[in-house]
Amino acid sequence: MYIMKILYIFLPILIIISIFVGLFFFIYENETDNQILGEVHEHADFKLYILNEEYNFSQEKYMSDEKIKNNFIHLHDMDGDLIHSHIKGNTLEFFFFSIGIKFNSTCLILDNKSSYCNDKNNKLKVFVNDNEDKLMEKYILNDLDKILITYNDKNNNINEELKYITDKACIQSGKCPERGEPNIESSCTSDGCKVIENG
């Protein structure tokens, strides 16, 4: 009899809590899906320098393809200088994670397991639009950003590295038509990526 009383009291409460939790996840998933479906298509130019050497991201292992690495953020068309973002809120950490690289404010661990961590001689730094950014891996990418990630000693000439960041995002985002038309590229949705004509 005591168990039946407990069931009559707690069972409706558990059902109500379950409904609210389910509703929360339903709304959250739908909001995320709406972003994925193509409302956002932004681009950022970037470079990574390790001990004064530019790292080459124009390798097939970093490119998205029909087996897309990540719908939210990726590289493609063998262009390792241009990040494509398809949802608001993408961080540098998430971008690197999507291509198999670990990145935080103290360490960069490449997909081949080579690690570059802060020590007494060398430091990781992030520059966004020519200014050092202290958010590091938590920096949220914006359209037309120019991003430099560098692991070097304090005597390194940052200006030399900054000048090699490309300026392709403006064209690819269609913000400077006087410089040319965006390339044909893939458009990503929750159903995968398809090649589209930009314009």
Protein backbone atom coordinates (compact mmCIF):
# COMPACT_ATOMS: atom_id res chain seq x y z
CA MET A 1 0.00 0.00 0.00
CA TYR A 2 2.85 2.39 0.84
CA ILE A 3 4.50 1.74 -2.56
CA MET A 4 1.25 2.57 -4.36
CA LYS A 5 1.05 5.95 -2.56
CA ILE A 6 4.60 6.78 -3.58
CA LEU A 7 3.85 5.80 -7.19
CA TYR A 8 0.72 7.98 -7.27
CA ILE A 9 2.71 10.96 -6.02
CA PHE A 10 6.02 10.60 -7.87
CA LEU A 11 4.92 9.06 -11.17
CA PRO A 12 3.08 12.20 -12.39
CA ILE A 13 6.05 14.34 -11.30
CA LEU A 14 8.48 12.11 -13.25
CA ILE A 15 6.24 12.25 -16.32
CA ILE A 16 6.07 16.06 -16.20
CA ILE A 17 9.86 16.36 -15.77
CA SER A 18 10.40 13.95 -18.70
CA ILE A 19 8.09 16.02 -20.91
CA PHE A 20 9.96 19.25 -20.10
CA VAL A 21 13.38 17.66 -20.67
CA GLY A 22 12.21 16.19 -23.99
CA LEU A 23 10.74 19.53 -25.05
CA PHE A 24 13.99 21.33 -24.20
CA PHE A 25 16.08 18.97 -26.36
CA PHE A 26 13.53 19.12 -29.20
CA ILE A 27 13.68 22.93 -29.30
CA TYR A 28 17.49 22.99 -28.98
CA GLU A 29 17.98 20.46 -31.80
CA ASN A 30 15.60 22.34 -34.11
CA GLU A 31 17.37 25.67 -33.49
CA THR A 32 20.73 24.06 -34.27
CA ASP A 33 19.34 22.38 -37.41
CA ASN A 34 17.95 25.69 -38.63
CA GLN A 35 21.45 27.17 -38.50
CA ILE A 36 22.96 24.20 -40.30
CA LEU A 37 20.55 24.49 -43.19
CA GLY A 38 22.53 27.21 -44.91
CA GLU A 39 21.60 30.47 -43.21
CA VAL A 40 25.30 30.99 -42.42
CA HIS A 41 28.10 30.71 -44.96
CA GLU A 42 31.09 32.70 -43.76
CA HIS A 43 34.79 32.61 -44.54
CA ALA A 44 38.00 33.44 -42.68
CA ASP A 45 41.58 33.55 -43.95
CA PHE A 46 44.13 31.93 -41.66
CA LYS A 47 47.74 30.78 -41.29
CA LEU A 48 49.57 28.64 -38.77
CA TYR A 49 53.30 29.14 -38.22
CA ILE A 50 55.37 26.73 -36.14
CA LEU A 51 58.93 27.78 -35.35
CA ASN A 52 58.97 30.25 -38.25
CA GLU A 53 57.64 27.70 -40.77
CA GLU A 54 54.21 27.97 -42.37
CA TYR A 55 52.16 24.81 -41.79
CA ASN A 56 50.58 23.40 -44.96
CA PHE A 57 46.84 22.76 -44.62
CA SER A 58 46.42 22.32 -48.39
CA GLN A 59 46.57 18.56 -47.97
CA GLU A 60 43.83 16.11 -48.80
CA LYS A 61 43.64 14.82 -45.22
CA TYR A 62 42.33 18.23 -44.09
CA MET A 63 39.78 18.72 -46.88
CA SER A 64 36.09 17.95 -46.69
CA ASP A 65 34.65 15.79 -49.43
CA GLU A 66 31.57 13.63 -50.01
CA LYS A 67 32.38 12.04 -46.64
CA ILE A 68 32.50 15.53 -45.14
CA LYS A 69 34.66 15.83 -42.04
CA ASN A 70 32.31 18.34 -40.42
CA ASN A 71 29.17 20.12 -41.65
CA PHE A 72 29.70 23.07 -39.32
CA ILE A 73 33.22 24.17 -40.28
CA HIS A 74 35.82 22.89 -42.71
CA LEU A 75 38.34 23.40 -45.50
CA HIS A 76 37.76 22.31 -49.07
CA ASP A 77 38.85 22.60 -52.71
CA MET A 78 42.49 22.03 -51.66
CA ASP A 79 42.60 25.54 -50.23
CA GLY A 80 44.24 25.38 -46.81
CA ASP A 81 44.11 29.15 -46.29
CA LEU A 82 40.33 29.59 -46.12
CA ILE A 83 38.00 28.34 -43.38
CA HIS A 84 34.35 27.80 -44.36
CA SER A 85 31.86 28.20 -41.51
CA HIS A 86 28.23 27.14 -41.79
CA ILE A 87 26.96 27.92 -38.30
CA LYS A 88 27.36 30.83 -35.87
CA GLY A 89 29.54 30.26 -32.83
CA ASN A 90 32.36 28.18 -34.32
CA THR A 91 35.54 28.52 -32.29
CA LEU A 92 39.15 28.01 -33.33
CA GLU A 93 39.28 25.03 -30.99
CA PHE A 94 36.31 23.40 -32.76
CA PHE A 95 37.78 24.10 -36.19
CA PHE A 96 41.05 22.41 -35.28
CA PHE A 97 39.20 19.52 -33.60
CA SER A 98 37.24 19.01 -36.85
CA ILE A 99 40.49 18.33 -38.74
CA GLY A 100 42.08 16.16 -36.04
CA ILE A 101 44.24 18.79 -34.31
CA LYS A 102 44.11 19.65 -30.60
CA PHE A 103 44.50 23.33 -29.81
CA ASN A 104 44.23 25.28 -26.58
CA SER A 105 45.98 28.22 -24.96
CA THR A 106 49.01 26.14 -23.94
CA CYS A 107 49.41 23.40 -26.59
CA LEU A 108 48.98 22.59 -30.24
CA ILE A 109 49.01 18.85 -31.03
CA LEU A 110 48.98 18.03 -34.72
CA ASP A 111 47.24 15.01 -36.20
CA ASN A 112 50.63 13.27 -36.45
CA LYS A 113 50.97 13.68 -32.64
CA SER A 114 53.74 16.32 -32.87
CA SER A 115 53.17 18.70 -29.98
CA TYR A 116 54.09 22.34 -29.53
CA CYS A 117 53.45 23.52 -26.00
CA ASN A 118 54.31 26.74 -24.22
CA ASP A 119 57.72 26.61 -22.57
CA LYS A 120 60.38 29.08 -21.45
CA ASN A 121 61.41 29.76 -25.06
CA ASN A 122 58.30 29.42 -27.22
CA LYS A 123 54.67 30.49 -26.87
CA LEU A 124 51.43 29.96 -28.74
CA LYS A 125 49.72 33.20 -29.77
CA VAL A 126 46.65 34.08 -31.80
CA PHE A 127 46.24 37.26 -33.83
CA VAL A 128 42.91 38.29 -35.31
CA ASN A 129 42.83 41.12 -37.82
CA ASP A 130 46.40 42.12 -36.84
CA ASN A 131 45.69 42.24 -33.08
CA GLU A 132 46.70 39.68 -30.48
CA ASP A 133 43.63 37.86 -29.19
CA LYS A 134 43.73 36.50 -25.63
CA LEU A 135 40.69 34.22 -26.13
CA MET A 136 42.97 31.86 -28.08
CA GLU A 137 41.06 28.61 -28.75
CA LYS A 138 37.77 30.14 -27.55
CA TYR A 139 37.82 32.83 -30.23
CA ILE A 140 34.59 32.70 -32.28
CA LEU A 141 35.20 33.08 -35.99
CA ASN A 142 33.57 35.91 -37.92
CA ASP A 143 33.15 36.49 -41.63
CA LEU A 144 36.26 38.05 -43.23
CA ASP A 145 38.53 37.43 -40.23
CA LYS A 146 42.26 37.22 -40.86
CA ILE A 147 43.68 34.83 -38.26
CA LEU A 148 47.27 33.97 -37.41
CA ILE A 149 48.16 31.18 -34.99
CA THR A 150 51.87 31.20 -34.23
CA TYR A 151 54.18 29.10 -32.06
CA ASN A 152 57.51 30.87 -31.85
CA ASP A 153 59.97 32.54 -29.52
CA LYS A 154 59.47 36.09 -28.27
CA ASN A 155 61.90 37.49 -30.85
CA ASN A 156 59.80 36.24 -33.75
CA ASN A 157 58.73 38.89 -36.25
CA ILE A 158 54.92 38.65 -36.12
CA ASN A 159 54.52 41.30 -38.83
CA GLU A 160 56.37 39.06 -41.25
CA GLU A 161 53.89 36.22 -40.63
CA LEU A 162 50.84 38.50 -40.66
CA LYS A 163 51.63 39.75 -44.15
CA TYR A 164 51.33 36.21 -45.58
CA ILE A 165 47.72 35.74 -44.51
CA THR A 166 45.66 35.61 -47.69
CA ASP A 167 42.70 37.84 -48.50
CA LYS A 168 40.37 35.29 -50.12
CA ALA A 169 37.46 35.43 -47.65
CA CYS A 170 36.25 38.74 -49.06
CA ILE A 171 35.88 37.25 -52.54
CA GLN A 172 34.42 33.94 -51.37
CA SER A 173 31.85 35.70 -49.17
CA GLY A 174 30.85 37.96 -52.08
CA LYS A 175 31.77 41.14 -50.17
CA CYS A 176 34.16 42.57 -52.77
CA PRO A 177 32.71 41.86 -56.24
CA GLU A 178 35.20 44.27 -57.81
CA ARG A 179 37.92 41.68 -57.07
CA GLY A 180 36.16 38.80 -58.79
CA GLU A 181 33.48 36.17 -58.47
CA PRO A 182 33.47 33.56 -55.69
CA ASN A 183 34.68 30.11 -56.72
CA ILE A 184 32.26 27.27 -57.16
CA GLU A 185 32.20 25.55 -53.78
CA SER A 186 30.23 23.07 -51.82
CA SER A 187 27.30 24.14 -49.67
CA CYS A 188 26.73 22.14 -46.52
CA THR A 189 23.45 21.33 -44.82
CA SER A 190 22.38 18.61 -42.41
CA ASP A 191 21.99 16.39 -45.50
CA GLY A 192 25.67 16.77 -46.45
CA CYS A 193 27.49 18.96 -48.95
CA LYS A 194 26.62 19.79 -52.55
CA VAL A 195 28.55 21.81 -55.10
CA ILE A 196 26.82 25.10 -55.85
CA GLU A 197 27.45 28.17 -57.95
CA ASN A 198 27.98 31.20 -55.74
CA GLY A 199 26.60 34.51 -56.73
